[in-house]
Amino acid sequence: MKYFRKLEGDKVYLSPMSIEDAETYCRWLNDPLVAGNIAAAAKAYSLSAEREYIEKIQKENAHIYAIVLKETDAIIGNIGIEDIDNTSRTATLGLFIGDEESRGKGYGSEALRLACRYAFDRLNMHSLHLWVFSFNERAMNMYKKVGFKEAGRMRESYYLDGKYHDSVLMDILRDELK
């Protein structure tokens, strides 16, 4: 089996990343739309580098997961819980839906809720945060729907396609998850 149902929702489940998906991740990370939304537009991703990254994640048992559709077992994106601070009980989240046809269908919000619930209930986190760019209103609305609030902003800190954009910090506490 390529995927393992670590965390399961109604429409998606989160699985440890598979080395077999390196080419898919590489394609997504080199897609200007995906890359621009996750601060990767100015980078080039090679297949060998992506394989090395997945192998590193697997060896470290990091909390980086493939987002997989339950109905078809097709990978549609990625979500991670990183920068875990066990003293302050905080962590950073990152998420993207790489498969264009899977955007806007609620898969991202379900995956985010699964990751938040896991971080709060199993990793004993108190606060989670993420960064999103001000032009990505669809993502900000999804984060708000799950319970995230804007906590701050770095003005004109991200350059993309000839323009500067704000980086927006959003966070959520355990009891705010919807």
C-alpha atoms as a PDB file:
ATOM      1  CA  MET A   1       0.000   0.000   0.000  1.00  0.00           C
ATOM      2  CA  LYS A   2       1.314   3.418  -0.961  1.00  0.00           C
ATOM      3  CA  TYR A   3      -0.609   5.455   1.642  1.00  0.00           C
ATOM      4  CA  PHE A   4      -1.411   4.874   5.296  1.00  0.00           C
ATOM      5  CA  ARG A   5      -4.427   6.492   6.950  1.00  0.00           C
ATOM      6  CA  LYS A   6      -2.736   8.319   9.825  1.00  0.00           C
ATOM      7  CA  LEU A   7      -5.588  10.822  10.251  1.00  0.00           C
ATOM      8  CA  GLU A   8      -8.951  10.297   8.607  1.00  0.00           C
ATOM      9  CA  GLY A   9     -11.795  12.676   7.804  1.00  0.00           C
ATOM     10  CA  ASP A  10     -14.970  12.368   5.746  1.00  0.00           C
ATOM     11  CA  LYS A  11     -13.410  13.177   2.355  1.00  0.00           C
ATOM     12  CA  VAL A  12      -9.652  13.062   2.885  1.00  0.00           C
ATOM     13  CA  TYR A  13      -7.051  11.365   4.999  1.00  0.00           C
ATOM     14  CA  LEU A  14      -3.506  12.329   5.888  1.00  0.00           C
ATOM     15  CA  SER A  15      -0.742   9.845   5.173  1.00  0.00           C
ATOM     16  CA  PRO A  16       3.023   9.891   5.640  1.00  0.00           C
ATOM     17  CA  MET A  17       4.622  11.089   2.409  1.00  0.00           C
ATOM     18  CA  SER A  18       5.559   8.463  -0.168  1.00  0.00           C
ATOM     19  CA  ILE A  19       8.813   8.613  -2.123  1.00  0.00           C
ATOM     20  CA  GLU A  20       6.768   7.496  -5.135  1.00  0.00           C
ATOM     21  CA  ASP A  21       5.091  10.927  -5.139  1.00  0.00           C
ATOM     22  CA  ALA A  22       8.311  12.906  -5.594  1.00  0.00           C
ATOM     23  CA  GLU A  23       7.516  13.607  -9.245  1.00  0.00           C
ATOM     24  CA  THR A  24       4.022  14.869  -8.374  1.00  0.00           C
ATOM     25  CA  TYR A  25       5.390  17.160  -5.660  1.00  0.00           C
ATOM     26  CA  CYS A  26       8.084  18.376  -8.033  1.00  0.00           C
ATOM     27  CA  ARG A  27       5.464  19.219 -10.664  1.00  0.00           C
ATOM     28  CA  TRP A  28       3.337  21.107  -8.124  1.00  0.00           C
ATOM     29  CA  LEU A  29       6.264  23.008  -6.606  1.00  0.00           C
ATOM     30  CA  ASN A  30       7.346  24.165 -10.050  1.00  0.00           C
ATOM     31  CA  ASP A  31       3.803  25.270 -10.964  1.00  0.00           C
ATOM     32  CA  PRO A  32       3.826  29.093 -10.772  1.00  0.00           C
ATOM     33  CA  LEU A  33       0.386  29.269  -9.145  1.00  0.00           C
ATOM     34  CA  VAL A  34       1.196  26.784  -6.376  1.00  0.00           C
ATOM     35  CA  ALA A  35       4.750  28.047  -5.899  1.00  0.00           C
ATOM     36  CA  GLY A  36       3.655  31.682  -5.707  1.00  0.00           C
ATOM     37  CA  ASN A  37       1.253  30.926  -2.877  1.00  0.00           C
ATOM     38  CA  ILE A  38       3.850  29.135  -0.746  1.00  0.00           C
ATOM     39  CA  ALA A  39       6.895  31.383  -1.247  1.00  0.00           C
ATOM     40  CA  ALA A  40       8.527  28.968  -3.666  1.00  0.00           C
ATOM     41  CA  ALA A  41       8.183  30.936  -6.916  1.00  0.00           C
ATOM     42  CA  ALA A  42      11.823  32.006  -6.964  1.00  0.00           C
ATOM     43  CA  LYS A  43      13.080  28.448  -6.529  1.00  0.00           C
ATOM     44  CA  ALA A  44      13.494  25.561  -8.948  1.00  0.00           C
ATOM     45  CA  TYR A  45      12.744  22.087  -7.626  1.00  0.00           C
ATOM     46  CA  SER A  46      14.463  19.044  -9.084  1.00  0.00           C
ATOM     47  CA  LEU A  47      13.231  15.490  -8.854  1.00  0.00           C
ATOM     48  CA  SER A  48      16.390  14.355  -7.068  1.00  0.00           C
ATOM     49  CA  ALA A  49      16.113  17.162  -4.490  1.00  0.00           C
ATOM     50  CA  GLU A  50      12.469  16.329  -3.838  1.00  0.00           C
ATOM     51  CA  ARG A  51      13.306  12.651  -3.361  1.00  0.00           C
ATOM     52  CA  GLU A  52      16.042  13.608  -0.880  1.00  0.00           C
ATOM     53  CA  TYR A  53      13.593  15.848   0.997  1.00  0.00           C
ATOM     54  CA  ILE A  54      10.979  13.077   1.282  1.00  0.00           C
ATOM     55  CA  GLU A  55      13.615  10.592   2.439  1.00  0.00           C
ATOM     56  CA  LYS A  56      14.777  13.075   5.085  1.00  0.00           C
ATOM     57  CA  ILE A  57      11.196  13.613   6.288  1.00  0.00           C
ATOM     58  CA  GLN A  58      10.658   9.857   6.499  1.00  0.00           C
ATOM     59  CA  LYS A  59      13.854   9.304   8.516  1.00  0.00           C
ATOM     60  CA  GLU A  60      13.000  12.090  10.942  1.00  0.00           C
ATOM     61  CA  ASN A  61       9.412  10.919  11.407  1.00  0.00           C
ATOM     62  CA  ALA A  62       8.398  14.529  10.803  1.00  0.00           C
ATOM     63  CA  HIS A  63       4.761  15.571  10.867  1.00  0.00           C
ATOM     64  CA  ILE A  64       4.522  16.253   7.124  1.00  0.00           C
ATOM     65  CA  TYR A  65       1.667  14.463   5.422  1.00  0.00           C
ATOM     66  CA  ALA A  66       0.194  13.840   2.012  1.00  0.00           C
ATOM     67  CA  ILE A  67      -3.439  14.894   1.672  1.00  0.00           C
ATOM     68  CA  VAL A  68      -5.202  11.968  -0.031  1.00  0.00           C
ATOM     69  CA  LEU A  69      -8.769  11.647  -1.300  1.00  0.00           C
ATOM     70  CA  LYS A  70     -10.553   8.800   0.480  1.00  0.00           C
ATOM     71  CA  GLU A  71     -12.671   7.881  -2.540  1.00  0.00           C
ATOM     72  CA  THR A  72      -9.797   7.418  -5.011  1.00  0.00           C
ATOM     73  CA  ASP A  73      -6.607   7.278  -2.902  1.00  0.00           C
ATOM     74  CA  ALA A  74      -5.284  10.117  -5.086  1.00  0.00           C
ATOM     75  CA  ILE A  75      -2.815  12.575  -3.583  1.00  0.00           C
ATOM     76  CA  ILE A  76      -4.015  16.189  -3.859  1.00  0.00           C
ATOM     77  CA  GLY A  77      -1.683  18.170  -1.614  1.00  0.00           C
ATOM     78  CA  ASN A  78       0.445  18.368   1.471  1.00  0.00           C
ATOM     79  CA  ILE A  79       0.175  19.585   5.053  1.00  0.00           C
ATOM     80  CA  GLY A  80       2.813  19.884   7.753  1.00  0.00           C
ATOM     81  CA  ILE A  81       3.157  20.610  11.444  1.00  0.00           C
ATOM     82  CA  GLU A  82       6.642  22.057  11.900  1.00  0.00           C
ATOM     83  CA  ASP A  83       8.780  24.162  14.219  1.00  0.00           C
ATOM     84  CA  ILE A  84       7.286  22.418  17.243  1.00  0.00           C
ATOM     85  CA  ASP A  85       8.155  24.158  20.512  1.00  0.00           C
ATOM     86  CA  ASN A  86       7.283  21.774  23.342  1.00  0.00           C
ATOM     87  CA  THR A  87       8.003  24.352  26.041  1.00  0.00           C
ATOM     88  CA  SER A  88       5.602  26.988  24.728  1.00  0.00           C
ATOM     89  CA  ARG A  89       3.438  24.313  23.071  1.00  0.00           C
ATOM     90  CA  THR A  90       3.340  26.089  19.713  1.00  0.00           C
ATOM     91  CA  ALA A  91       3.856  24.920  16.150  1.00  0.00           C
ATOM     92  CA  THR A  92       3.741  26.228  12.601  1.00  0.00           C
ATOM     93  CA  LEU A  93       1.381  24.797  10.000  1.00  0.00           C
ATOM     94  CA  GLY A  94       1.833  24.773   6.246  1.00  0.00           C
ATOM     95  CA  LEU A  95      -0.585  23.491   3.629  1.00  0.00           C
ATOM     96  CA  PHE A  96      -1.186  23.478  -0.089  1.00  0.00           C
ATOM     97  CA  ILE A  97      -3.550  21.793  -2.502  1.00  0.00           C
ATOM     98  CA  GLY A  98      -1.414  21.097  -5.544  1.00  0.00           C
ATOM     99  CA  ASP A  99      -4.084  19.392  -7.633  1.00  0.00           C
ATOM    100  CA  GLU A 100      -5.946  22.248  -9.328  1.00  0.00           C
ATOM    101  CA  GLU A 101      -9.206  20.302  -9.734  1.00  0.00           C
ATOM    102  CA  SER A 102      -9.300  19.624  -5.986  1.00  0.00           C
ATOM    103  CA  ARG A 103      -9.285  23.278  -4.919  1.00  0.00           C
ATOM    104  CA  GLY A 104     -12.429  24.901  -3.583  1.00  0.00           C
ATOM    105  CA  LYS A 105     -14.072  21.610  -2.586  1.00  0.00           C
ATOM    106  CA  GLY A 106     -13.452  21.697   1.167  1.00  0.00           C
ATOM    107  CA  TYR A 107     -10.531  19.276   1.119  1.00  0.00           C
ATOM    108  CA  GLY A 108      -8.069  21.846   2.439  1.00  0.00           C
ATOM    109  CA  SER A 109     -10.258  22.884   5.367  1.00  0.00           C
ATOM    110  CA  GLU A 110     -10.873  19.240   6.299  1.00  0.00           C
ATOM    111  CA  ALA A 111      -7.145  18.456   6.133  1.00  0.00           C
ATOM    112  CA  LEU A 112      -6.411  21.564   8.223  1.00  0.00           C
ATOM    113  CA  ARG A 113      -8.937  20.534  10.877  1.00  0.00           C
ATOM    114  CA  LEU A 114      -7.418  17.034  11.005  1.00  0.00           C
ATOM    115  CA  ALA A 115      -3.907  18.466  11.430  1.00  0.00           C
ATOM    116  CA  CYS A 116      -5.036  20.974  14.068  1.00  0.00           C
ATOM    117  CA  ARG A 117      -6.919  18.326  16.034  1.00  0.00           C
ATOM    118  CA  TYR A 118      -3.848  16.076  15.896  1.00  0.00           C
ATOM    119  CA  ALA A 119      -1.562  18.909  17.020  1.00  0.00           C
ATOM    120  CA  PHE A 120      -3.857  19.875  19.889  1.00  0.00           C
ATOM    121  CA  ASP A 121      -4.956  16.436  21.071  1.00  0.00           C
ATOM    122  CA  ARG A 122      -1.932  14.227  20.402  1.00  0.00           C
ATOM    123  CA  LEU A 123       1.031  16.596  20.346  1.00  0.00           C
ATOM    124  CA  ASN A 124      -0.433  18.718  23.180  1.00  0.00           C
ATOM    125  CA  MET A 125       0.026  22.026  21.362  1.00  0.00           C
ATOM    126  CA  HIS A 126      -1.697  25.119  22.754  1.00  0.00           C
ATOM    127  CA  SER A 127      -1.294  27.489  19.808  1.00  0.00           C
ATOM    128  CA  LEU A 128      -0.769  26.957  16.082  1.00  0.00           C
ATOM    129  CA  HIS A 129       0.149  29.559  13.512  1.00  0.00           C
ATOM    130  CA  LEU A 130       0.702  29.894   9.796  1.00  0.00           C
ATOM    131  CA  TRP A 131       1.678  32.497   7.235  1.00  0.00           C
ATOM    132  CA  VAL A 132      -0.380  33.429   4.185  1.00  0.00           C
ATOM    133  CA  PHE A 133       0.127  36.146   1.593  1.00  0.00           C
ATOM    134  CA  SER A 134      -2.361  39.010   1.475  1.00  0.00           C
ATOM    135  CA  PHE A 135      -3.329  38.307  -2.142  1.00  0.00           C
ATOM    136  CA  ASN A 136      -4.414  34.749  -1.270  1.00  0.00           C
ATOM    137  CA  GLU A 137      -7.912  35.617  -0.068  1.00  0.00           C
ATOM    138  CA  ARG A 138      -9.264  32.135  -0.770  1.00  0.00           C
ATOM    139  CA  ALA A 139      -6.754  30.627   1.678  1.00  0.00           C
ATOM    140  CA  MET A 140      -7.333  33.338   4.305  1.00  0.00           C
ATOM    141  CA  ASN A 141     -11.094  32.736   4.160  1.00  0.00           C
ATOM    142  CA  MET A 142     -10.559  29.007   4.567  1.00  0.00           C
ATOM    143  CA  TYR A 143      -8.269  29.553   7.559  1.00  0.00           C
ATOM    144  CA  LYS A 144     -10.871  31.857   9.165  1.00  0.00           C
ATOM    145  CA  LYS A 145     -13.583  29.230   8.544  1.00  0.00           C
ATOM    146  CA  VAL A 146     -11.529  26.751  10.576  1.00  0.00           C
ATOM    147  CA  GLY A 147     -11.045  29.301  13.398  1.00  0.00           C
ATOM    148  CA  PHE A 148      -7.750  31.058  12.627  1.00  0.00           C
ATOM    149  CA  LYS A 149      -7.517  34.778  13.308  1.00  0.00           C
ATOM    150  CA  GLU A 150      -5.178  37.386  11.898  1.00  0.00           C
ATOM    151  CA  ALA A 151      -2.450  37.948  14.480  1.00  0.00           C
ATOM    152  CA  GLY A 152      -0.187  40.332  12.591  1.00  0.00           C
ATOM    153  CA  ARG A 153       1.309  41.258   9.294  1.00  0.00           C
ATOM    154  CA  MET A 154       4.658  42.012   7.760  1.00  0.00           C
ATOM    155  CA  ARG A 155       4.066  44.778   5.261  1.00  0.00           C
ATOM    156  CA  GLU A 156       5.330  44.330   1.709  1.00  0.00           C
ATOM    157  CA  SER A 157       7.581  41.461   2.747  1.00  0.00           C
ATOM    158  CA  TYR A 158       6.952  39.153  -0.222  1.00  0.00           C
ATOM    159  CA  TYR A 159       7.883  39.984  -3.799  1.00  0.00           C
ATOM    160  CA  LEU A 160       6.046  38.200  -6.610  1.00  0.00           C
ATOM    161  CA  ASP A 161       5.547  39.114 -10.255  1.00  0.00           C
ATOM    162  CA  GLY A 162       6.723  42.700  -9.927  1.00  0.00           C
ATOM    163  CA  LYS A 163       4.713  43.566  -6.803  1.00  0.00           C
ATOM    164  CA  TYR A 164       5.215  43.511  -3.047  1.00  0.00           C
ATOM    165  CA  HIS A 165       2.626  41.796  -0.852  1.00  0.00           C
ATOM    166  CA  ASP A 166       2.031  41.586   2.881  1.00  0.00           C
ATOM    167  CA  SER A 167       2.746  38.363   4.758  1.00  0.00           C
ATOM    168  CA  VAL A 168      -0.165  37.727   7.124  1.00  0.00           C
ATOM    169  CA  LEU A 169       0.342  35.785  10.353  1.00  0.00           C
ATOM    170  CA  MET A 170      -2.725  33.842  11.462  1.00  0.00           C
ATOM    171  CA  ASP A 171      -3.070  31.765  14.595  1.00  0.00           C
ATOM    172  CA  ILE A 172      -5.491  29.572  16.470  1.00  0.00           C
ATOM    173  CA  LEU A 173      -5.782  28.370  20.065  1.00  0.00           C
ATOM    174  CA  ARG A 174      -7.062  24.934  21.007  1.00  0.00           C
ATOM    175  CA  ASP A 175     -10.558  26.138  22.004  1.00  0.00           C
ATOM    176  CA  GLU A 176     -11.010  28.210  18.809  1.00  0.00           C
ATOM    177  CA  LEU A 177     -10.995  25.283  16.370  1.00  0.00           C
ATOM    178  CA  LYS A 178     -14.324  25.072  14.514  1.00  0.00           C
END
